[in-house]
């Protein structure tokens, strides 16, 4: 079992409650202080009857790990359907958990000149 990358990167974020960020978006958010990287994980999803079951179950598992880390977002570094047993495959997702706060942007210093 597998699915094309374009479909995976649409289906998997839809299966999670947490905020999905692309690698580029996550790097920018970390650089500007909106997010911090909490931890790296590899999650092997229990074998499902279909790829969609594995994606759905993977989303739930990733959300649980993110919550356990105290985060609210994630970025996927890689994924693959890896051999399991007797010709079966299962989804394996490598991802980083992130804690993001886009409401606390640091403003430039206020204007302190007096007239």
PDB file of N, CA and C in Angstrom:
ATOM      1  N   UNK A   1       0.836  -1.191   0.000  1.00  0.00           N
ATOM      2  CA  UNK A   1       0.000   0.000   0.000  1.00  0.00           C
ATOM      3  C   UNK A   1       0.874   1.246   0.000  1.00  0.00           C
ATOM      4  N   UNK A   2       0.396   2.270  -0.619  1.00  0.00           N
ATOM      5  CA  UNK A   2       1.044   3.577  -0.589  1.00  0.00           C
ATOM      6  C   UNK A   2       0.104   4.577  -1.245  1.00  0.00           C
ATOM      7  N   UNK A   3       0.541   5.825  -1.283  1.00  0.00           N
ATOM      8  CA  UNK A   3      -0.215   6.856  -1.996  1.00  0.00           C
ATOM      9  C   UNK A   3       0.778   7.895  -2.489  1.00  0.00           C
ATOM     10  N   UNK A   4       0.447   8.595  -3.568  1.00  0.00           N
ATOM     11  CA  UNK A   4       1.350   9.626  -4.089  1.00  0.00           C
ATOM     12  C   UNK A   4       1.595  10.725  -3.052  1.00  0.00           C
ATOM     13  N   UNK A   5       2.774  11.318  -3.104  1.00  0.00           N
ATOM     14  CA  UNK A   5       3.152  12.360  -2.139  1.00  0.00           C
ATOM     15  C   UNK A   5       2.147  13.510  -2.127  1.00  0.00           C
ATOM     16  N   UNK A   6       1.704  13.943  -3.290  1.00  0.00           N
ATOM     17  CA  UNK A   6       0.762  15.070  -3.330  1.00  0.00           C
ATOM     18  C   UNK A   6      -0.530  14.734  -2.593  1.00  0.00           C
ATOM     19  N   UNK A   7      -0.967  13.507  -2.699  1.00  0.00           N
ATOM     20  CA  UNK A   7      -2.176  13.087  -1.992  1.00  0.00           C
ATOM     21  C   UNK A   7      -1.901  12.940  -0.495  1.00  0.00           C
ATOM     22  N   UNK A   8      -0.750  12.364  -0.138  1.00  0.00           N
ATOM     23  CA  UNK A   8      -0.414  12.191   1.273  1.00  0.00           C
ATOM     24  C   UNK A   8      -0.376  13.533   1.996  1.00  0.00           C
ATOM     25  N   UNK A   9       0.277  14.527   1.382  1.00  0.00           N
ATOM     26  CA  UNK A   9       0.417  15.826   2.038  1.00  0.00           C
ATOM     27  C   UNK A   9      -0.894  16.624   2.059  1.00  0.00           C
ATOM     28  N   UNK A  10      -1.927  16.112   1.430  1.00  0.00           N
ATOM     29  CA  UNK A  10      -3.274  16.669   1.567  1.00  0.00           C
ATOM     30  C   UNK A  10      -4.070  15.871   2.594  1.00  0.00           C
ATOM     31  N   UNK A  11      -4.017  14.551   2.472  1.00  0.00           N
ATOM     32  CA  UNK A  11      -4.818  13.672   3.328  1.00  0.00           C
ATOM     33  C   UNK A  11      -4.334  13.654   4.779  1.00  0.00           C
ATOM     34  N   UNK A  12      -3.012  13.594   4.986  1.00  0.00           N
ATOM     35  CA  UNK A  12      -2.515  13.454   6.354  1.00  0.00           C
ATOM     36  C   UNK A  12      -2.847  14.679   7.212  1.00  0.00           C
ATOM     37  N   UNK A  13      -2.572  15.898   6.763  1.00  0.00           N
ATOM     38  CA  UNK A  13      -2.952  17.063   7.583  1.00  0.00           C
ATOM     39  C   UNK A  13      -4.452  17.128   7.863  1.00  0.00           C
ATOM     40  N   UNK A  14      -5.267  16.650   6.922  1.00  0.00           N
ATOM     41  CA  UNK A  14      -6.719  16.639   7.141  1.00  0.00           C
ATOM     42  C   UNK A  14      -7.110  15.643   8.230  1.00  0.00           C
ATOM     43  N   UNK A  15      -6.244  14.666   8.487  1.00  0.00           N
ATOM     44  CA  UNK A  15      -6.522  13.641   9.499  1.00  0.00           C
ATOM     45  C   UNK A  15      -6.042  14.047  10.889  1.00  0.00           C
ATOM     46  N   UNK A  16      -5.428  15.217  11.010  1.00  0.00           N
ATOM     47  CA  UNK A  16      -4.938  15.679  12.313  1.00  0.00           C
ATOM     48  C   UNK A  16      -5.713  16.909  12.760  1.00  0.00           C
ATOM     49  N   UNK A  17      -5.709  17.135  14.076  1.00  0.00           N
ATOM     50  CA  UNK A  17      -6.298  18.343  14.633  1.00  0.00           C
ATOM     51  C   UNK A  17      -5.227  19.428  14.796  1.00  0.00           C
ATOM     52  N   UNK A  18      -3.977  19.010  14.883  1.00  0.00           N
ATOM     53  CA  UNK A  18      -2.852  19.933  15.087  1.00  0.00           C
ATOM     54  C   UNK A  18      -2.549  20.680  13.797  1.00  0.00           C
ATOM     55  N   UNK A  19      -1.852  21.783  13.925  1.00  0.00           N
ATOM     56  CA  UNK A  19      -1.470  22.586  12.776  1.00  0.00           C
ATOM     57  C   UNK A  19      -0.322  21.916  12.027  1.00  0.00           C
ATOM     58  N   UNK A  20      -0.527  21.634  10.748  1.00  0.00           N
ATOM     59  CA  UNK A  20       0.530  21.097   9.897  1.00  0.00           C
ATOM     60  C   UNK A  20       1.291  22.257   9.279  1.00  0.00           C
ATOM     61  N   UNK A  21       2.606  22.196   9.329  1.00  0.00           N
ATOM     62  CA  UNK A  21       3.441  23.218   8.701  1.00  0.00           C
ATOM     63  C   UNK A  21       4.403  22.546   7.738  1.00  0.00           C
ATOM     64  N   UNK A  22       4.592  23.150   6.574  1.00  0.00           N
ATOM     65  CA  UNK A  22       5.606  22.639   5.669  1.00  0.00           C
ATOM     66  C   UNK A  22       6.972  22.872   6.308  1.00  0.00           C
ATOM     67  N   UNK A  23       7.974  22.183   5.807  1.00  0.00           N
ATOM     68  CA  UNK A  23       9.322  22.382   6.337  1.00  0.00           C
ATOM     69  C   UNK A  23       9.765  23.830   6.247  1.00  0.00           C
ATOM     70  N   UNK A  24       9.490  24.473   5.107  1.00  0.00           N
ATOM     71  CA  UNK A  24       9.902  25.870   4.916  1.00  0.00           C
ATOM     72  C   UNK A  24       9.159  26.799   5.879  1.00  0.00           C
ATOM     73  N   UNK A  25       7.848  26.596   6.023  1.00  0.00           N
ATOM     74  CA  UNK A  25       7.070  27.436   6.933  1.00  0.00           C
ATOM     75  C   UNK A  25       7.523  27.254   8.385  1.00  0.00           C
ATOM     76  N   UNK A  26       7.814  26.009   8.759  1.00  0.00           N
ATOM     77  CA  UNK A  26       8.275  25.741  10.128  1.00  0.00           C
ATOM     78  C   UNK A  26       9.619  26.410  10.386  1.00  0.00           C
ATOM     79  N   UNK A  27      10.525  26.312   9.424  1.00  0.00           N
ATOM     80  CA  UNK A  27      11.849  26.958   9.598  1.00  0.00           C
ATOM     81  C   UNK A  27      11.697  28.464   9.777  1.00  0.00           C
ATOM     82  N   UNK A  28      10.861  29.093   8.964  1.00  0.00           N
ATOM     83  CA  UNK A  28      10.647  30.542   9.086  1.00  0.00           C
ATOM     84  C   UNK A  28      10.021  30.897  10.430  1.00  0.00           C
ATOM     85  N   UNK A  29       9.043  30.108  10.870  1.00  0.00           N
ATOM     86  CA  UNK A  29       8.377  30.382  12.146  1.00  0.00           C
ATOM     87  C   UNK A  29       9.337  30.198  13.324  1.00  0.00           C
ATOM     88  N   UNK A  30      10.238  29.242  13.215  1.00  0.00           N
ATOM     89  CA  UNK A  30      11.246  29.048  14.263  1.00  0.00           C
ATOM     90  C   UNK A  30      12.226  30.228  14.260  1.00  0.00           C
ATOM     91  N   UNK A  31      12.615  30.656  13.071  1.00  0.00           N
ATOM     92  CA  UNK A  31      13.554  31.777  12.968  1.00  0.00           C
ATOM     93  C   UNK A  31      12.959  33.075  13.511  1.00  0.00           C
ATOM     94  N   UNK A  32      11.651  33.306  13.278  1.00  0.00           N
ATOM     95  CA  UNK A  32      11.073  34.571  13.751  1.00  0.00           C
ATOM     96  C   UNK A  32      10.518  34.474  15.175  1.00  0.00           C
ATOM     97  N   UNK A  33      10.686  33.308  15.801  1.00  0.00           N
ATOM     98  CA  UNK A  33      10.291  33.160  17.189  1.00  0.00           C
ATOM     99  C   UNK A  33       8.835  32.789  17.409  1.00  0.00           C
ATOM    100  N   UNK A  34       8.085  32.546  16.334  1.00  0.00           N
ATOM    101  CA  UNK A  34       6.674  32.166  16.481  1.00  0.00           C
ATOM    102  C   UNK A  34       6.522  30.724  16.958  1.00  0.00           C
ATOM    103  N   UNK A  35       7.519  29.887  16.667  1.00  0.00           N
ATOM    104  CA  UNK A  35       7.461  28.473  17.037  1.00  0.00           C
ATOM    105  C   UNK A  35       8.791  28.039  17.642  1.00  0.00           C
ATOM    106  N   UNK A  36       8.711  27.026  18.493  1.00  0.00           N
ATOM    107  CA  UNK A  36       9.920  26.355  18.958  1.00  0.00           C
ATOM    108  C   UNK A  36       9.771  24.869  18.644  1.00  0.00           C
ATOM    109  N   UNK A  37      10.887  24.262  18.297  1.00  0.00           N
ATOM    110  CA  UNK A  37      10.916  22.834  18.004  1.00  0.00           C
ATOM    111  C   UNK A  37      11.004  22.084  19.325  1.00  0.00           C
ATOM    112  N   UNK A  38      10.054  21.191  19.586  1.00  0.00           N
ATOM    113  CA  UNK A  38      10.030  20.469  20.850  1.00  0.00           C
ATOM    114  C   UNK A  38      10.797  19.153  20.782  1.00  0.00           C
ATOM    115  N   UNK A  39      10.520  18.337  19.770  1.00  0.00           N
ATOM    116  CA  UNK A  39      11.148  17.017  19.717  1.00  0.00           C
ATOM    117  C   UNK A  39      10.981  16.402  18.332  1.00  0.00           C
ATOM    118  N   UNK A  40      11.810  15.400  18.041  1.00  0.00           N
ATOM    119  CA  UNK A  40      11.716  14.631  16.801  1.00  0.00           C
ATOM    120  C   UNK A  40      11.126  13.266  17.133  1.00  0.00           C
ATOM    121  N   UNK A  41      10.290  12.763  16.239  1.00  0.00           N
ATOM    122  CA  UNK A  41       9.638  11.482  16.477  1.00  0.00           C
ATOM    123  C   UNK A  41       9.595  10.640  15.210  1.00  0.00           C
ATOM    124  N   UNK A  42       9.521   9.332  15.401  1.00  0.00           N
ATOM    125  CA  UNK A  42       9.197   8.377  14.342  1.00  0.00           C
ATOM    126  C   UNK A  42       8.006   7.591  14.857  1.00  0.00           C
ATOM    127  N   UNK A  43       6.920   7.640  14.123  1.00  0.00           N
ATOM    128  CA  UNK A  43       5.705   6.931  14.517  1.00  0.00           C
ATOM    129  C   UNK A  43       5.372   5.897  13.457  1.00  0.00           C
ATOM    130  N   UNK A  44       5.281   4.646  13.866  1.00  0.00           N
ATOM    131  CA  UNK A  44       4.867   3.569  12.975  1.00  0.00           C
ATOM    132  C   UNK A  44       3.403   3.268  13.279  1.00  0.00           C
ATOM    133  N   UNK A  45       2.584   3.518  12.295  1.00  0.00           N
ATOM    134  CA  UNK A  45       1.133   3.414  12.439  1.00  0.00           C
ATOM    135  C   UNK A  45       0.723   1.937  12.417  1.00  0.00           C
ATOM    136  N   UNK A  46      -0.219   1.544  13.275  1.00  0.00           N
ATOM    137  CA  UNK A  46      -0.734   0.167  13.189  1.00  0.00           C
ATOM    138  C   UNK A  46      -1.280  -0.121  11.786  1.00  0.00           C
ATOM    139  N   UNK A  47      -1.117  -1.330  11.335  1.00  0.00           N
ATOM    140  CA  UNK A  47      -1.567  -1.715   9.995  1.00  0.00           C
ATOM    141  C   UNK A  47      -3.076  -1.526   9.888  1.00  0.00           C
ATOM    142  N   UNK A  48      -3.487  -0.853   8.824  1.00  0.00           N
ATOM    143  CA  UNK A  48      -4.908  -0.643   8.558  1.00  0.00           C
ATOM    144  C   UNK A  48      -5.364  -1.476   7.376  1.00  0.00           C
ATOM    145  N   UNK A  49      -6.662  -1.523   7.170  1.00  0.00           N
ATOM    146  CA  UNK A  49      -7.197  -2.270   6.032  1.00  0.00           C
ATOM    147  C   UNK A  49      -6.913  -1.563   4.717  1.00  0.00           C
ATOM    148  N   UNK A  50      -6.856  -0.231   4.755  1.00  0.00           N
ATOM    149  CA  UNK A  50      -6.587   0.558   3.548  1.00  0.00           C
ATOM    150  C   UNK A  50      -5.556   1.640   3.885  1.00  0.00           C
ATOM    151  N   UNK A  51      -5.014   2.256   2.863  1.00  0.00           N
ATOM    152  CA  UNK A  51      -4.092   3.379   3.087  1.00  0.00           C
ATOM    153  C   UNK A  51      -4.801   4.507   3.823  1.00  0.00           C
ATOM    154  N   UNK A  52      -6.067   4.707   3.533  1.00  0.00           N
ATOM    155  CA  UNK A  52      -6.817   5.773   4.182  1.00  0.00           C
ATOM    156  C   UNK A  52      -6.977   5.497   5.675  1.00  0.00           C
ATOM    157  N   UNK A  53      -7.170   4.221   6.035  1.00  0.00           N
ATOM    158  CA  UNK A  53      -7.229   3.855   7.458  1.00  0.00           C
ATOM    159  C   UNK A  53      -5.903   4.178   8.139  1.00  0.00           C
ATOM    160  N   UNK A  54      -4.809   3.860   7.468  1.00  0.00           N
ATOM    161  CA  UNK A  54      -3.496   4.124   8.065  1.00  0.00           C
ATOM    162  C   UNK A  54      -3.248   5.617   8.198  1.00  0.00           C
ATOM    163  N   UNK A  55      -3.642   6.394   7.207  1.00  0.00           N
ATOM    164  CA  UNK A  55      -3.475   7.847   7.285  1.00  0.00           C
ATOM    165  C   UNK A  55      -4.327   8.407   8.427  1.00  0.00           C
ATOM    166  N   UNK A  56      -5.574   7.972   8.520  1.00  0.00           N
ATOM    167  CA  UNK A  56      -6.465   8.423   9.600  1.00  0.00           C
ATOM    168  C   UNK A  56      -5.900   8.045  10.967  1.00  0.00           C
ATOM    169  N   UNK A  57      -5.479   6.794  11.107  1.00  0.00           N
ATOM    170  CA  UNK A  57      -4.908   6.340  12.378  1.00  0.00           C
ATOM    171  C   UNK A  57      -3.580   7.041  12.669  1.00  0.00           C
ATOM    172  N   UNK A  58      -2.809   7.296  11.623  1.00  0.00           N
ATOM    173  CA  UNK A  58      -1.553   8.026  11.788  1.00  0.00           C
ATOM    174  C   UNK A  58      -1.791   9.437  12.286  1.00  0.00           C
ATOM    175  N   UNK A  59      -2.818  10.094  11.756  1.00  0.00           N
ATOM    176  CA  UNK A  59      -3.160  11.441  12.214  1.00  0.00           C
ATOM    177  C   UNK A  59      -3.518  11.468  13.688  1.00  0.00           C
ATOM    178  N   UNK A  60      -4.287  10.479  14.117  1.00  0.00           N
ATOM    179  CA  UNK A  60      -4.656  10.411  15.539  1.00  0.00           C
ATOM    180  C   UNK A  60      -3.431  10.167  16.409  1.00  0.00           C
ATOM    181  N   UNK A  61      -2.548   9.274  15.967  1.00  0.00           N
ATOM    182  CA  UNK A  61      -1.342   8.979  16.741  1.00  0.00           C
ATOM    183  C   UNK A  61      -0.415  10.173  16.837  1.00  0.00           C
ATOM    184  N   UNK A  62      -0.240  10.876  15.726  1.00  0.00           N
ATOM    185  CA  UNK A  62       0.609  12.070  15.715  1.00  0.00           C
ATOM    186  C   UNK A  62       0.016  13.146  16.618  1.00  0.00           C
ATOM    187  N   UNK A  63      -1.300  13.351  16.567  1.00  0.00           N
ATOM    188  CA  UNK A  63      -1.940  14.324  17.463  1.00  0.00           C
ATOM    189  C   UNK A  63      -1.695  13.985  18.930  1.00  0.00           C
ATOM    190  N   UNK A  64      -1.754  12.711  19.269  1.00  0.00           N
ATOM    191  CA  UNK A  64      -1.515  12.290  20.650  1.00  0.00           C
ATOM    192  C   UNK A  64      -0.092  12.610  21.081  1.00  0.00           C
ATOM    193  N   UNK A  65       0.868  12.336  20.218  1.00  0.00           N
ATOM    194  CA  UNK A  65       2.273  12.616  20.538  1.00  0.00           C
ATOM    195  C   UNK A  65       2.493  14.122  20.690  1.00  0.00           C
ATOM    196  N   UNK A  66       1.908  14.909  19.792  1.00  0.00           N
ATOM    197  CA  UNK A  66       2.034  16.369  19.867  1.00  0.00           C
ATOM    198  C   UNK A  66       1.475  16.874  21.196  1.00  0.00           C
ATOM    199  N   UNK A  67       0.306  16.380  21.572  1.00  0.00           N
ATOM    200  CA  UNK A  67      -0.307  16.797  22.840  1.00  0.00           C
ATOM    201  C   UNK A  67       0.570  16.381  24.021  1.00  0.00           C
ATOM    202  N   UNK A  68       1.122  15.183  23.980  1.00  0.00           N
ATOM    203  CA  UNK A  68       1.990  14.710  25.064  1.00  0.00           C
ATOM    204  C   UNK A  68       3.251  15.560  25.190  1.00  0.00           C
ATOM    205  N   UNK A  69       3.738  16.092  24.062  1.00  0.00           N
ATOM    206  CA  UNK A  69       4.922  16.962  24.084  1.00  0.00           C
ATOM    207  C   UNK A  69       4.581  18.385  24.523  1.00  0.00           C
ATOM    208  N   UNK A  70       3.292  18.715  24.609  1.00  0.00           N
ATOM    209  CA  UNK A  70       2.879  20.074  24.958  1.00  0.00           C
ATOM    210  C   UNK A  70       2.872  20.999  23.759  1.00  0.00           C
ATOM    211  N   UNK A  71       2.803  20.433  22.565  1.00  0.00           N
ATOM    212  CA  UNK A  71       2.825  21.234  21.343  1.00  0.00           C
ATOM    213  C   UNK A  71       1.456  21.434  20.747  1.00  0.00           C
ATOM    214  N   UNK A  72       1.446  22.108  19.597  1.00  0.00           N
ATOM    215  CA  UNK A  72       0.197  22.342  18.886  1.00  0.00           C
ATOM    216  C   UNK A  72       0.371  22.290  17.365  1.00  0.00           C
ATOM    217  N   UNK A  73       1.567  21.935  16.920  1.00  0.00           N
ATOM    218  CA  UNK A  73       1.846  21.910  15.484  1.00  0.00           C
ATOM    219  C   UNK A  73       2.906  20.850  15.194  1.00  0.00           C
ATOM    220  N   UNK A  74       3.086  20.571  13.889  1.00  0.00           N
ATOM    221  CA  UNK A  74       4.091  19.589  13.484  1.00  0.00           C
ATOM    222  C   UNK A  74       4.541  19.844  12.055  1.00  0.00           C
ATOM    223  N   UNK A  75       5.704  19.309  11.750  1.00  0.00           N
ATOM    224  CA  UNK A  75       6.183  19.279  10.369  1.00  0.00           C
ATOM    225  C   UNK A  75       6.655  17.857  10.098  1.00  0.00           C
ATOM    226  N   UNK A  76       6.358  17.381   8.921  1.00  0.00           N
ATOM    227  CA  UNK A  76       6.757  16.031   8.525  1.00  0.00           C
ATOM    228  C   UNK A  76       8.108  16.117   7.845  1.00  0.00           C
ATOM    229  N   UNK A  77       9.068  15.322   8.320  1.00  0.00           N
ATOM    230  CA  UNK A  77      10.371  15.295   7.654  1.00  0.00           C
ATOM    231  C   UNK A  77      10.433  14.182   6.609  1.00  0.00           C
ATOM    232  N   UNK A  78       9.721  13.082   6.840  1.00  0.00           N
ATOM    233  CA  UNK A  78       9.630  12.021   5.838  1.00  0.00           C
ATOM    234  C   UNK A  78       8.510  11.057   6.211  1.00  0.00           C
ATOM    235  N   UNK A  79       8.129  10.265   5.260  1.00  0.00           N
ATOM    236  CA  UNK A  79       7.160   9.206   5.501  1.00  0.00           C
ATOM    237  C   UNK A  79       7.408   8.096   4.493  1.00  0.00           C
ATOM    238  N   UNK A  80       6.975   6.894   4.839  1.00  0.00           N
ATOM    239  CA  UNK A  80       7.107   5.761   3.929  1.00  0.00           C
ATOM    240  C   UNK A  80       6.183   4.653   4.385  1.00  0.00           C
ATOM    241  N   UNK A  81       5.776   3.824   3.442  1.00  0.00           N
ATOM    242  CA  UNK A  81       5.106   2.589   3.793  1.00  0.00           C
ATOM    243  C   UNK A  81       6.197   1.532   3.848  1.00  0.00           C
ATOM    244  N   UNK A  82       6.426   1.004   5.029  1.00  0.00           N
ATOM    245  CA  UNK A  82       7.529   0.067   5.255  1.00  0.00           C
ATOM    246  C   UNK A  82       6.996  -1.360   5.331  1.00  0.00           C
ATOM    247  N   UNK A  83       7.823  -2.343   4.936  1.00  0.00           N
ATOM    248  CA  UNK A  83       7.384  -3.737   5.015  1.00  0.00           C
ATOM    249  C   UNK A  83       7.024  -4.121   6.446  1.00  0.00           C
ATOM    250  N   UNK A  84       5.948  -4.869   6.573  1.00  0.00           N
ATOM    251  CA  UNK A  84       5.521  -5.315   7.899  1.00  0.00           C
ATOM    252  C   UNK A  84       5.593  -6.843   7.952  1.00  0.00           C
ATOM    253  N   UNK A  85       4.536  -7.502   7.575  1.00  0.00           N
ATOM    254  CA  UNK A  85       4.530  -8.969   7.600  1.00  0.00           C
ATOM    255  C   UNK A  85       3.807  -9.503   6.378  1.00  0.00           C
ATOM    256  N   UNK A  86       4.267 -10.612   5.881  1.00  0.00           N
ATOM    257  CA  UNK A  86       3.629 -11.324   4.762  1.00  0.00           C
ATOM    258  C   UNK A  86       3.135 -10.402   3.653  1.00  0.00           C
ATOM    259  N   UNK A  87       4.008  -9.552   3.174  1.00  0.00           N
ATOM    260  CA  UNK A  87       3.661  -8.671   2.073  1.00  0.00           C
ATOM    261  C   UNK A  87       2.897  -7.418   2.468  1.00  0.00           C
ATOM    262  N   UNK A  88       2.534  -7.305   3.717  1.00  0.00           N
ATOM    263  CA  UNK A  88       1.815  -6.111   4.173  1.00  0.00           C
ATOM    264  C   UNK A  88       2.808  -4.974   4.405  1.00  0.00           C
ATOM    265  N   UNK A  89       2.297  -3.764   4.346  1.00  0.00           N
ATOM    266  CA  UNK A  89       3.104  -2.590   4.665  1.00  0.00           C
ATOM    267  C   UNK A  89       2.368  -1.777   5.717  1.00  0.00           C
ATOM    268  N   UNK A  90       3.131  -0.894   6.356  1.00  0.00           N
ATOM    269  CA  UNK A  90       2.499   0.028   7.292  1.00  0.00           C
ATOM    270  C   UNK A  90       3.185   1.373   7.199  1.00  0.00           C
ATOM    271  N   UNK A  91       2.415   2.404   7.489  1.00  0.00           N
ATOM    272  CA  UNK A  91       2.887   3.777   7.377  1.00  0.00           C
ATOM    273  C   UNK A  91       3.828   4.120   8.519  1.00  0.00           C
ATOM    274  N   UNK A  92       4.941   4.741   8.167  1.00  0.00           N
ATOM    275  CA  UNK A  92       5.892   5.240   9.162  1.00  0.00           C
ATOM    276  C   UNK A  92       6.118   6.724   8.867  1.00  0.00           C
ATOM    277  N   UNK A  93       5.944   7.562   9.887  1.00  0.00           N
ATOM    278  CA  UNK A  93       6.044   9.017   9.711  1.00  0.00           C
ATOM    279  C   UNK A  93       7.126   9.558  10.638  1.00  0.00           C
ATOM    280  N   UNK A  94       8.078  10.293  10.083  1.00  0.00           N
ATOM    281  CA  UNK A  94       9.079  11.020  10.859  1.00  0.00           C
ATOM    282  C   UNK A  94       8.626  12.477  10.898  1.00  0.00           C
ATOM    283  N   UNK A  95       8.534  13.029  12.101  1.00  0.00           N
ATOM    284  CA  UNK A  95       8.023  14.391  12.220  1.00  0.00           C
ATOM    285  C   UNK A  95       8.595  15.066  13.462  1.00  0.00           C
ATOM    286  N   UNK A  96       8.529  16.396  13.458  1.00  0.00           N
ATOM    287  CA  UNK A  96       8.931  17.214  14.593  1.00  0.00           C
ATOM    288  C   UNK A  96       7.679  17.803  15.222  1.00  0.00           C
ATOM    289  N   UNK A  97       7.638  17.816  16.555  1.00  0.00           N
ATOM    290  CA  UNK A  97       6.557  18.508  17.249  1.00  0.00           C
ATOM    291  C   UNK A  97       7.006  19.937  17.512  1.00  0.00           C
ATOM    292  N   UNK A  98       6.068  20.861  17.402  1.00  0.00           N
ATOM    293  CA  UNK A  98       6.345  22.283  17.550  1.00  0.00           C
ATOM    294  C   UNK A  98       5.346  22.909  18.514  1.00  0.00           C
ATOM    295  N   UNK A  99       5.780  23.952  19.173  1.00  0.00           N
ATOM    296  CA  UNK A  99       4.890  24.789  19.962  1.00  0.00           C
ATOM    297  C   UNK A  99       4.906  26.162  19.309  1.00  0.00           C
ATOM    298  N   UNK A 100       3.751  26.583  18.807  1.00  0.00           N
ATOM    299  CA  UNK A 100       3.675  27.839  18.058  1.00  0.00           C
ATOM    300  C   UNK A 100       2.691  28.800  18.713  1.00  0.00           C
ATOM    301  N   UNK A 101       3.032  30.069  18.651  1.00  0.00           N
ATOM    302  CA  UNK A 101       2.154  31.130  19.131  1.00  0.00           C
ATOM    303  C   UNK A 101       2.286  32.295  18.162  1.00  0.00           C
ATOM    304  N   UNK A 102       1.333  32.392  17.256  1.00  0.00           N
ATOM    305  CA  UNK A 102       1.396  33.437  16.237  1.00  0.00           C
ATOM    306  C   UNK A 102       0.777  34.743  16.714  1.00  0.00           C
ATOM    307  N   UNK A 103       0.228  34.757  17.926  1.00  0.00           N
ATOM    308  CA  UNK A 103      -0.370  35.988  18.444  1.00  0.00           C
ATOM    309  C   UNK A 103       0.641  36.859  19.166  1.00  0.00           C
ATOM    310  N   UNK A 104       1.777  36.307  19.540  1.00  0.00           N
ATOM    311  CA  UNK A 104       2.772  37.036  20.326  1.00  0.00           C
ATOM    312  C   UNK A 104       3.959  37.488  19.478  1.00  0.00           C
ATOM    313  N   UNK A 105       3.681  38.120  18.373  1.00  0.00           N
ATOM    314  CA  UNK A 105       4.758  38.651  17.545  1.00  0.00           C
ATOM    315  C   UNK A 105       5.454  39.785  18.294  1.00  0.00           C
ATOM    316  N   UNK A 106       6.752  39.845  18.175  1.00  0.00           N
ATOM    317  CA  UNK A 106       7.515  40.903  18.829  1.00  0.00           C
ATOM    318  C   UNK A 106       7.467  42.137  17.931  1.00  0.00           C
ATOM    319  N   UNK A 107       6.919  43.210  18.481  1.00  0.00           N
ATOM    320  CA  UNK A 107       6.844  44.465  17.723  1.00  0.00           C
ATOM    321  C   UNK A 107       8.170  45.205  17.827  1.00  0.00           C
ATOM    322  N   UNK A 108       8.372  46.071  16.853  1.00  0.00           N
ATOM    323  CA  UNK A 108       9.543  46.931  16.932  1.00  0.00           C
ATOM    324  C   UNK A 108       9.381  47.845  18.138  1.00  0.00           C
ATOM    325  N   UNK A 109      10.476  48.395  18.596  1.00  0.00           N
ATOM    326  CA  UNK A 109      10.426  49.274  19.760  1.00  0.00           C
ATOM    327  C   UNK A 109       9.447  50.409  19.506  1.00  0.00           C
ATOM    328  N   UNK A 110       8.651  50.753  20.518  1.00  0.00           N
ATOM    329  CA  UNK A 110       7.680  51.832  20.328  1.00  0.00           C
ATOM    330  C   UNK A 110       8.400  53.174  20.141  1.00  0.00           C
ATOM    331  N   UNK A 111       7.743  54.041  19.481  1.00  0.00           N
ATOM    332  CA  UNK A 111       8.275  55.370  19.251  1.00  0.00           C
ATOM    333  C   UNK A 111       8.231  56.138  20.575  1.00  0.00           C
ATOM    334  N   UNK A 112       9.391  56.534  21.072  1.00  0.00           N
ATOM    335  CA  UNK A 112       9.459  57.210  22.374  1.00  0.00           C
ATOM    336  C   UNK A 112       9.749  58.695  22.259  1.00  0.00           C
ATOM    337  N   UNK A 113       9.692  59.202  21.058  1.00  0.00           N
ATOM    338  CA  UNK A 113       9.957  60.633  20.907  1.00  0.00           C
ATOM    339  C   UNK A 113       8.754  61.434  21.406  1.00  0.00           C
ATOM    340  N   UNK A 114       9.027  62.567  21.998  1.00  0.00           N
ATOM    341  CA  UNK A 114       7.960  63.441  22.504  1.00  0.00           C
ATOM    342  C   UNK A 114       7.948  64.712  21.702  1.00  0.00           C
ATOM    343  N   UNK A 115       6.800  65.305  21.620  1.00  0.00           N
ATOM    344  CA  UNK A 115       6.697  66.568  20.884  1.00  0.00           C
ATOM    345  C   UNK A 115       6.471  67.720  21.803  1.00  0.00           C
TER     346      UNK A 115
END
